[in-house]
Amino acid sequence: MKPMLIATVAMAVILFISGCAKQEQALETSKRAELITEMIIDNASCRAVKDKLTLPSIDNDGIERVYFEALKAGCIHKDV
């Protein structure tokens, strides 16, 4: 049950970050990447996933793919 709660909270964060509210401007891609980077655990096994967010060619779709890859690999902080 707890992993489902974590996934739900994480999705809420992603929806917020993606600028769903009409009044809020969408965050810049670099800011989104920075926020997702902070959510990823900093250890050797997660570093490869985290490094993908530093690629200059990454876009919002790429950031979302990296987030779900990190989630699947168990690389998202438990307190998120």
PDB file of N, CA and C in Angstrom:
ATOM      1  N   MET A   1       0.817  -1.188   0.000  1.00  0.00           N
ATOM      2  CA  MET A   1       0.000   0.000   0.000  1.00  0.00           C
ATOM      3  C   MET A   1       0.867   1.260   0.000  1.00  0.00           C
ATOM      4  N   LYS A   2       1.975   1.219   0.732  1.00  0.00           N
ATOM      5  CA  LYS A   2       2.839   2.383   0.820  1.00  0.00           C
ATOM      6  C   LYS A   2       3.451   2.771  -0.532  1.00  0.00           C
ATOM      7  N   PRO A   3       3.917   1.805  -1.363  1.00  0.00           N
ATOM      8  CA  PRO A   3       4.448   2.195  -2.675  1.00  0.00           C
ATOM      9  C   PRO A   3       3.402   2.909  -3.530  1.00  0.00           C
ATOM     10  N   MET A   4       2.139   2.514  -3.392  1.00  0.00           N
ATOM     11  CA  MET A   4       1.087   3.161  -4.166  1.00  0.00           C
ATOM     12  C   MET A   4       0.908   4.605  -3.697  1.00  0.00           C
ATOM     13  N   LEU A   5       1.008   4.839  -2.393  1.00  0.00           N
ATOM     14  CA  LEU A   5       0.904   6.193  -1.852  1.00  0.00           C
ATOM     15  C   LEU A   5       2.053   7.052  -2.363  1.00  0.00           C
ATOM     16  N   ILE A   6       3.252   6.497  -2.358  1.00  0.00           N
ATOM     17  CA  ILE A   6       4.429   7.219  -2.842  1.00  0.00           C
ATOM     18  C   ILE A   6       4.256   7.567  -4.316  1.00  0.00           C
ATOM     19  N   ALA A   7       3.781   6.604  -5.104  1.00  0.00           N
ATOM     20  CA  ALA A   7       3.575   6.846  -6.533  1.00  0.00           C
ATOM     21  C   ALA A   7       2.514   7.926  -6.755  1.00  0.00           C
ATOM     22  N   THR A   8       1.473   7.908  -5.933  1.00  0.00           N
ATOM     23  CA  THR A   8       0.412   8.913  -6.055  1.00  0.00           C
ATOM     24  C   THR A   8       0.937  10.305  -5.731  1.00  0.00           C
ATOM     25  N   VAL A   9       1.701  10.402  -4.652  1.00  0.00           N
ATOM     26  CA  VAL A   9       2.275  11.696  -4.281  1.00  0.00           C
ATOM     27  C   VAL A   9       3.241  12.166  -5.366  1.00  0.00           C
ATOM     28  N   ALA A  10       4.042  11.254  -5.879  1.00  0.00           N
ATOM     29  CA  ALA A  10       4.996  11.612  -6.924  1.00  0.00           C
ATOM     30  C   ALA A  10       4.268  12.119  -8.176  1.00  0.00           C
ATOM     31  N   MET A  11       3.180  11.474  -8.533  1.00  0.00           N
ATOM     32  CA  MET A  11       2.423  11.922  -9.703  1.00  0.00           C
ATOM     33  C   MET A  11       1.832  13.307  -9.459  1.00  0.00           C
ATOM     34  N   ALA A  12       1.403  13.563  -8.236  1.00  0.00           N
ATOM     35  CA  ALA A  12       0.877  14.894  -7.909  1.00  0.00           C
ATOM     36  C   ALA A  12       1.975  15.943  -8.085  1.00  0.00           C
ATOM     37  N   VAL A  13       3.191  15.603  -7.667  1.00  0.00           N
ATOM     38  CA  VAL A  13       4.320  16.516  -7.834  1.00  0.00           C
ATOM     39  C   VAL A  13       4.585  16.753  -9.318  1.00  0.00           C
ATOM     40  N   ILE A  14       4.580  15.694 -10.093  1.00  0.00           N
ATOM     41  CA  ILE A  14       4.819  15.822 -11.541  1.00  0.00           C
ATOM     42  C   ILE A  14       3.744  16.705 -12.178  1.00  0.00           C
ATOM     43  N   LEU A  15       2.488  16.490 -11.808  1.00  0.00           N
ATOM     44  CA  LEU A  15       1.417  17.304 -12.375  1.00  0.00           C
ATOM     45  C   LEU A  15       1.583  18.767 -11.989  1.00  0.00           C
ATOM     46  N   PHE A  16       1.991  19.004 -10.758  1.00  0.00           N
ATOM     47  CA  PHE A  16       2.233  20.377 -10.325  1.00  0.00           C
ATOM     48  C   PHE A  16       3.386  20.979 -11.114  1.00  0.00           C
ATOM     49  N   ILE A  17       4.474  20.221 -11.236  1.00  0.00           N
ATOM     50  CA  ILE A  17       5.659  20.698 -11.945  1.00  0.00           C
ATOM     51  C   ILE A  17       5.346  20.985 -13.408  1.00  0.00           C
ATOM     52  N   SER A  18       4.484  20.189 -13.989  1.00  0.00           N
ATOM     53  CA  SER A  18       4.187  20.375 -15.409  1.00  0.00           C
ATOM     54  C   SER A  18       3.333  21.612 -15.679  1.00  0.00           C
ATOM     55  N   GLY A  19       2.938  22.310 -14.631  1.00  0.00           N
ATOM     56  CA  GLY A  19       2.209  23.564 -14.813  1.00  0.00           C
ATOM     57  C   GLY A  19       0.767  23.366 -15.227  1.00  0.00           C
ATOM     58  N   CYS A  20       0.081  22.438 -14.576  1.00  0.00           N
ATOM     59  CA  CYS A  20      -1.304  22.147 -14.938  1.00  0.00           C
ATOM     60  C   CYS A  20      -2.242  23.321 -14.672  1.00  0.00           C
ATOM     61  N   ALA A  21      -1.968  24.088 -13.657  1.00  0.00           N
ATOM     62  CA  ALA A  21      -2.841  25.216 -13.336  1.00  0.00           C
ATOM     63  C   ALA A  21      -2.755  26.259 -14.448  1.00  0.00           C
ATOM     64  N   LYS A  22      -3.895  26.739 -14.891  1.00  0.00           N
ATOM     65  CA  LYS A  22      -3.931  27.705 -15.988  1.00  0.00           C
ATOM     66  C   LYS A  22      -3.238  29.009 -15.624  1.00  0.00           C
ATOM     67  N   GLN A  23      -3.311  29.402 -14.346  1.00  0.00           N
ATOM     68  CA  GLN A  23      -2.734  30.672 -13.950  1.00  0.00           C
ATOM     69  C   GLN A  23      -1.221  30.602 -13.795  1.00  0.00           C
ATOM     70  N   GLU A  24      -0.700  29.412 -13.599  1.00  0.00           N
ATOM     71  CA  GLU A  24       0.739  29.243 -13.395  1.00  0.00           C
ATOM     72  C   GLU A  24       1.428  29.044 -14.744  1.00  0.00           C
ATOM     73  N   GLN A  25       2.549  29.680 -14.898  1.00  0.00           N
ATOM     74  CA  GLN A  25       3.339  29.445 -16.104  1.00  0.00           C
ATOM     75  C   GLN A  25       4.073  28.123 -15.940  1.00  0.00           C
ATOM     76  N   ALA A  26       4.241  27.433 -17.046  1.00  0.00           N
ATOM     77  CA  ALA A  26       4.993  26.180 -17.008  1.00  0.00           C
ATOM     78  C   ALA A  26       6.441  26.485 -16.643  1.00  0.00           C
ATOM     79  N   LEU A  27       6.993  25.617 -15.820  1.00  0.00           N
ATOM     80  CA  LEU A  27       8.386  25.800 -15.435  1.00  0.00           C
ATOM     81  C   LEU A  27       9.291  25.559 -16.631  1.00  0.00           C
ATOM     82  N   GLU A  28      10.388  26.234 -16.637  1.00  0.00           N
ATOM     83  CA  GLU A  28      11.367  25.998 -17.687  1.00  0.00           C
ATOM     84  C   GLU A  28      11.846  24.556 -17.598  1.00  0.00           C
ATOM     85  N   THR A  29      12.227  24.008 -18.712  1.00  0.00           N
ATOM     86  CA  THR A  29      12.712  22.635 -18.754  1.00  0.00           C
ATOM     87  C   THR A  29      13.865  22.429 -17.795  1.00  0.00           C
ATOM     88  N   SER A  30      14.780  23.364 -17.735  1.00  0.00           N
ATOM     89  CA  SER A  30      15.935  23.212 -16.854  1.00  0.00           C
ATOM     90  C   SER A  30      15.526  23.175 -15.393  1.00  0.00           C
ATOM     91  N   LYS A  31      14.511  23.950 -15.021  1.00  0.00           N
ATOM     92  CA  LYS A  31      14.030  23.959 -13.637  1.00  0.00           C
ATOM     93  C   LYS A  31      13.342  22.636 -13.304  1.00  0.00           C
ATOM     94  N   ARG A  32      12.557  22.115 -14.250  1.00  0.00           N
ATOM     95  CA  ARG A  32      11.912  20.811 -14.041  1.00  0.00           C
ATOM     96  C   ARG A  32      12.971  19.736 -13.850  1.00  0.00           C
ATOM     97  N   ALA A  33      14.000  19.753 -14.694  1.00  0.00           N
ATOM     98  CA  ALA A  33      15.067  18.763 -14.581  1.00  0.00           C
ATOM     99  C   ALA A  33      15.756  18.875 -13.222  1.00  0.00           C
ATOM    100  N   GLU A  34      15.975  20.094 -12.772  1.00  0.00           N
ATOM    101  CA  GLU A  34      16.610  20.322 -11.479  1.00  0.00           C
ATOM    102  C   GLU A  34      15.760  19.761 -10.334  1.00  0.00           C
ATOM    103  N   LEU A  35      14.461  19.994 -10.388  1.00  0.00           N
ATOM    104  CA  LEU A  35      13.570  19.490  -9.340  1.00  0.00           C
ATOM    105  C   LEU A  35      13.521  17.961  -9.321  1.00  0.00           C
ATOM    106  N   ILE A  36      13.454  17.347 -10.487  1.00  0.00           N
ATOM    107  CA  ILE A  36      13.443  15.885 -10.555  1.00  0.00           C
ATOM    108  C   ILE A  36      14.780  15.335 -10.087  1.00  0.00           C
ATOM    109  N   THR A  37      15.879  16.005 -10.428  1.00  0.00           N
ATOM    110  CA  THR A  37      17.206  15.575  -9.988  1.00  0.00           C
ATOM    111  C   THR A  37      17.271  15.519  -8.466  1.00  0.00           C
ATOM    112  N   GLU A  38      16.667  16.491  -7.802  1.00  0.00           N
ATOM    113  CA  GLU A  38      16.664  16.512  -6.339  1.00  0.00           C
ATOM    114  C   GLU A  38      15.862  15.359  -5.754  1.00  0.00           C
ATOM    115  N   MET A  39      14.905  14.825  -6.498  1.00  0.00           N
ATOM    116  CA  MET A  39      14.087  13.720  -6.017  1.00  0.00           C
ATOM    117  C   MET A  39      14.794  12.372  -6.134  1.00  0.00           C
ATOM    118  N   ILE A  40      15.828  12.305  -6.981  1.00  0.00           N
ATOM    119  CA  ILE A  40      16.521  11.039  -7.234  1.00  0.00           C
ATOM    120  C   ILE A  40      17.622  10.833  -6.208  1.00  0.00           C
ATOM    121  N   ILE A  41      17.679   9.626  -5.679  1.00  0.00           N
ATOM    122  CA  ILE A  41      18.683   9.248  -4.687  1.00  0.00           C
ATOM    123  C   ILE A  41      20.069   9.381  -5.306  1.00  0.00           C
ATOM    124  N   ASP A  42      21.007   9.900  -4.521  1.00  0.00           N
ATOM    125  CA  ASP A  42      22.371  10.100  -5.008  1.00  0.00           C
ATOM    126  C   ASP A  42      23.254   8.931  -4.563  1.00  0.00           C
ATOM    127  N   ASN A  43      23.220   7.864  -5.344  1.00  0.00           N
ATOM    128  CA  ASN A  43      24.128   6.745  -5.112  1.00  0.00           C
ATOM    129  C   ASN A  43      24.569   6.191  -6.460  1.00  0.00           C
ATOM    130  N   ALA A  44      25.498   5.269  -6.426  1.00  0.00           N
ATOM    131  CA  ALA A  44      26.106   4.772  -7.661  1.00  0.00           C
ATOM    132  C   ALA A  44      25.080   4.125  -8.591  1.00  0.00           C
ATOM    133  N   SER A  45      24.143   3.385  -8.048  1.00  0.00           N
ATOM    134  CA  SER A  45      23.187   2.671  -8.900  1.00  0.00           C
ATOM    135  C   SER A  45      22.162   3.612  -9.545  1.00  0.00           C
ATOM    136  N   CYS A  46      21.952   4.791  -8.979  1.00  0.00           N
ATOM    137  CA  CYS A  46      20.974   5.738  -9.532  1.00  0.00           C
ATOM    138  C   CYS A  46      21.638   6.862 -10.322  1.00  0.00           C
ATOM    139  N   ARG A  47      22.944   6.945 -10.278  1.00  0.00           N
ATOM    140  CA  ARG A  47      23.649   8.053 -10.920  1.00  0.00           C
ATOM    141  C   ARG A  47      23.436   8.094 -12.431  1.00  0.00           C
ATOM    142  N   ALA A  48      23.377   6.923 -13.073  1.00  0.00           N
ATOM    143  CA  ALA A  48      23.192   6.894 -14.535  1.00  0.00           C
ATOM    144  C   ALA A  48      21.844   7.501 -14.920  1.00  0.00           C
ATOM    145  N   VAL A  49      20.816   7.211 -14.127  1.00  0.00           N
ATOM    146  CA  VAL A  49      19.495   7.778 -14.396  1.00  0.00           C
ATOM    147  C   VAL A  49      19.536   9.288 -14.169  1.00  0.00           C
ATOM    148  N   LYS A  50      20.155   9.682 -13.074  1.00  0.00           N
ATOM    149  CA  LYS A  50      20.237  11.093 -12.713  1.00  0.00           C
ATOM    150  C   LYS A  50      21.011  11.898 -13.767  1.00  0.00           C
ATOM    151  N   ASP A  51      22.071  11.305 -14.305  1.00  0.00           N
ATOM    152  CA  ASP A  51      22.891  11.992 -15.300  1.00  0.00           C
ATOM    153  C   ASP A  51      22.132  12.296 -16.586  1.00  0.00           C
ATOM    154  N   LYS A  52      21.107  11.512 -16.893  1.00  0.00           N
ATOM    155  CA  LYS A  52      20.323  11.759 -18.110  1.00  0.00           C
ATOM    156  C   LYS A  52      19.641  13.126 -18.072  1.00  0.00           C
ATOM    157  N   LEU A  53      19.388  13.627 -16.870  1.00  0.00           N
ATOM    158  CA  LEU A  53      18.721  14.924 -16.740  1.00  0.00           C
ATOM    159  C   LEU A  53      19.643  16.094 -17.054  1.00  0.00           C
ATOM    160  N   THR A  54      20.937  15.841 -17.165  1.00  0.00           N
ATOM    161  CA  THR A  54      21.894  16.909 -17.464  1.00  0.00           C
ATOM    162  C   THR A  54      22.173  17.038 -18.957  1.00  0.00           C
ATOM    163  N   LEU A  55      21.593  16.162 -19.762  1.00  0.00           N
ATOM    164  CA  LEU A  55      21.818  16.236 -21.204  1.00  0.00           C
ATOM    165  C   LEU A  55      21.227  17.532 -21.753  1.00  0.00           C
ATOM    166  N   PRO A  56      21.972  18.253 -22.570  1.00  0.00           N
ATOM    167  CA  PRO A  56      21.454  19.524 -23.100  1.00  0.00           C
ATOM    168  C   PRO A  56      20.242  19.345 -24.023  1.00  0.00           C
ATOM    169  N   SER A  57      20.082  18.161 -24.584  1.00  0.00           N
ATOM    170  CA  SER A  57      18.985  17.932 -25.525  1.00  0.00           C
ATOM    171  C   SER A  57      17.698  17.454 -24.848  1.00  0.00           C
ATOM    172  N   ILE A  58      17.679  17.363 -23.517  1.00  0.00           N
ATOM    173  CA  ILE A  58      16.489  16.826 -22.840  1.00  0.00           C
ATOM    174  C   ILE A  58      15.336  17.823 -22.919  1.00  0.00           C
ATOM    175  N   ASP A  59      14.148  17.280 -23.151  1.00  0.00           N
ATOM    176  CA  ASP A  59      12.942  18.099 -23.203  1.00  0.00           C
ATOM    177  C   ASP A  59      11.989  17.623 -22.105  1.00  0.00           C
ATOM    178  N   ASN A  60      10.806  18.193 -22.035  1.00  0.00           N
ATOM    179  CA  ASN A  60       9.863  17.835 -20.983  1.00  0.00           C
ATOM    180  C   ASN A  60       9.451  16.368 -21.039  1.00  0.00           C
ATOM    181  N   ASP A  61       9.284  15.827 -22.235  1.00  0.00           N
ATOM    182  CA  ASP A  61       8.947  14.410 -22.370  1.00  0.00           C
ATOM    183  C   ASP A  61      10.091  13.536 -21.867  1.00  0.00           C
ATOM    184  N   GLY A  62      11.313  13.940 -22.169  1.00  0.00           N
ATOM    185  CA  GLY A  62      12.485  13.202 -21.706  1.00  0.00           C
ATOM    186  C   GLY A  62      12.603  13.218 -20.194  1.00  0.00           C
ATOM    187  N   ILE A  63      12.290  14.356 -19.602  1.00  0.00           N
ATOM    188  CA  ILE A  63      12.326  14.476 -18.141  1.00  0.00           C
ATOM    189  C   ILE A  63      11.301  13.530 -17.518  1.00  0.00           C
ATOM    190  N   GLU A  64      10.128  13.469 -18.111  1.00  0.00           N
ATOM    191  CA  GLU A  64       9.088  12.577 -17.602  1.00  0.00           C
ATOM    192  C   GLU A  64       9.518  11.120 -17.721  1.00  0.00           C
ATOM    193  N   ARG A  65      10.138  10.747 -18.849  1.00  0.00           N
ATOM    194  CA  ARG A  65      10.620   9.375 -19.023  1.00  0.00           C
ATOM    195  C   ARG A  65      11.678   9.029 -17.984  1.00  0.00           C
ATOM    196  N   VAL A  66      12.590   9.962 -17.724  1.00  0.00           N
ATOM    197  CA  VAL A  66      13.635   9.735 -16.723  1.00  0.00           C
ATOM    198  C   VAL A  66      13.010   9.573 -15.340  1.00  0.00           C
ATOM    199  N   TYR A  67      12.011  10.388 -15.034  1.00  0.00           N
ATOM    200  CA  TYR A  67      11.347  10.278 -13.733  1.00  0.00           C
ATOM    201  C   TYR A  67      10.755   8.885 -13.546  1.00  0.00           C
ATOM    202  N   PHE A  68      10.017   8.398 -14.545  1.00  0.00           N
ATOM    203  CA  PHE A  68       9.395   7.081 -14.413  1.00  0.00           C
ATOM    204  C   PHE A  68      10.434   5.968 -14.407  1.00  0.00           C
ATOM    205  N   GLU A  69      11.527   6.157 -15.117  1.00  0.00           N
ATOM    206  CA  GLU A  69      12.624   5.190 -15.065  1.00  0.00           C
ATOM    207  C   GLU A  69      13.214   5.138 -13.655  1.00  0.00           C
ATOM    208  N   ALA A  70      13.410   6.297 -13.052  1.00  0.00           N
ATOM    209  CA  ALA A  70      13.932   6.362 -11.684  1.00  0.00           C
ATOM    210  C   ALA A  70      12.947   5.751 -10.694  1.00  0.00           C
ATOM    211  N   LEU A  71      11.673   6.003 -10.884  1.00  0.00           N
ATOM    212  CA  LEU A  71      10.647   5.449 -10.009  1.00  0.00           C
ATOM    213  C   LEU A  71      10.650   3.926 -10.090  1.00  0.00           C
ATOM    214  N   LYS A  72      10.714   3.408 -11.307  1.00  0.00           N
ATOM    215  CA  LYS A  72      10.722   1.959 -11.530  1.00  0.00           C
ATOM    216  C   LYS A  72      11.967   1.310 -10.920  1.00  0.00           C
ATOM    217  N   ALA A  73      13.100   2.030 -10.975  1.00  0.00           N
ATOM    218  CA  ALA A  73      14.361   1.498 -10.450  1.00  0.00           C
ATOM    219  C   ALA A  73      14.493   1.688  -8.934  1.00  0.00           C
ATOM    220  N   GLY A  74      13.500   2.330  -8.320  1.00  0.00           N
ATOM    221  CA  GLY A  74      13.561   2.559  -6.876  1.00  0.00           C
ATOM    222  C   GLY A  74      14.542   3.661  -6.493  1.00  0.00           C
ATOM    223  N   CYS A  75      14.731   4.614  -7.386  1.00  0.00           N
ATOM    224  CA  CYS A  75      15.715   5.679  -7.175  1.00  0.00           C
ATOM    225  C   CYS A  75      15.099   7.006  -6.714  1.00  0.00           C
ATOM    226  N   ILE A  76      13.831   7.002  -6.378  1.00  0.00           N
ATOM    227  CA  ILE A  76      13.179   8.208  -5.889  1.00  0.00           C
ATOM    228  C   ILE A  76      13.198   8.160  -4.361  1.00  0.00           C
ATOM    229  N   HIS A  77      13.567   9.290  -3.744  1.00  0.00           N
ATOM    230  CA  HIS A  77      13.591   9.351  -2.276  1.00  0.00           C
ATOM    231  C   HIS A  77      12.246   8.904  -1.703  1.00  0.00           C
ATOM    232  N   LYS A  78      12.268   8.168  -0.633  1.00  0.00           N
ATOM    233  CA  LYS A  78      11.046   7.638  -0.013  1.00  0.00           C
ATOM    234  C   LYS A  78      10.180   8.730   0.594  1.00  0.00           C
ATOM    235  N   ASP A  79      10.764   9.860   0.948  1.00  0.00           N
ATOM    236  CA  ASP A  79       9.993  10.927   1.591  1.00  0.00           C
ATOM    237  C   ASP A  79       9.356  11.902   0.608  1.00  0.00           C
ATOM    238  N   VAL A  80       9.387  11.575  -0.666  1.00  0.00           N
ATOM    239  CA  VAL A  80       8.784  12.431  -1.696  1.00  0.00           C
ATOM    240  C   VAL A  80       7.330  12.089  -1.838  1.00  0.00           C
TER     241      VAL A  80
END
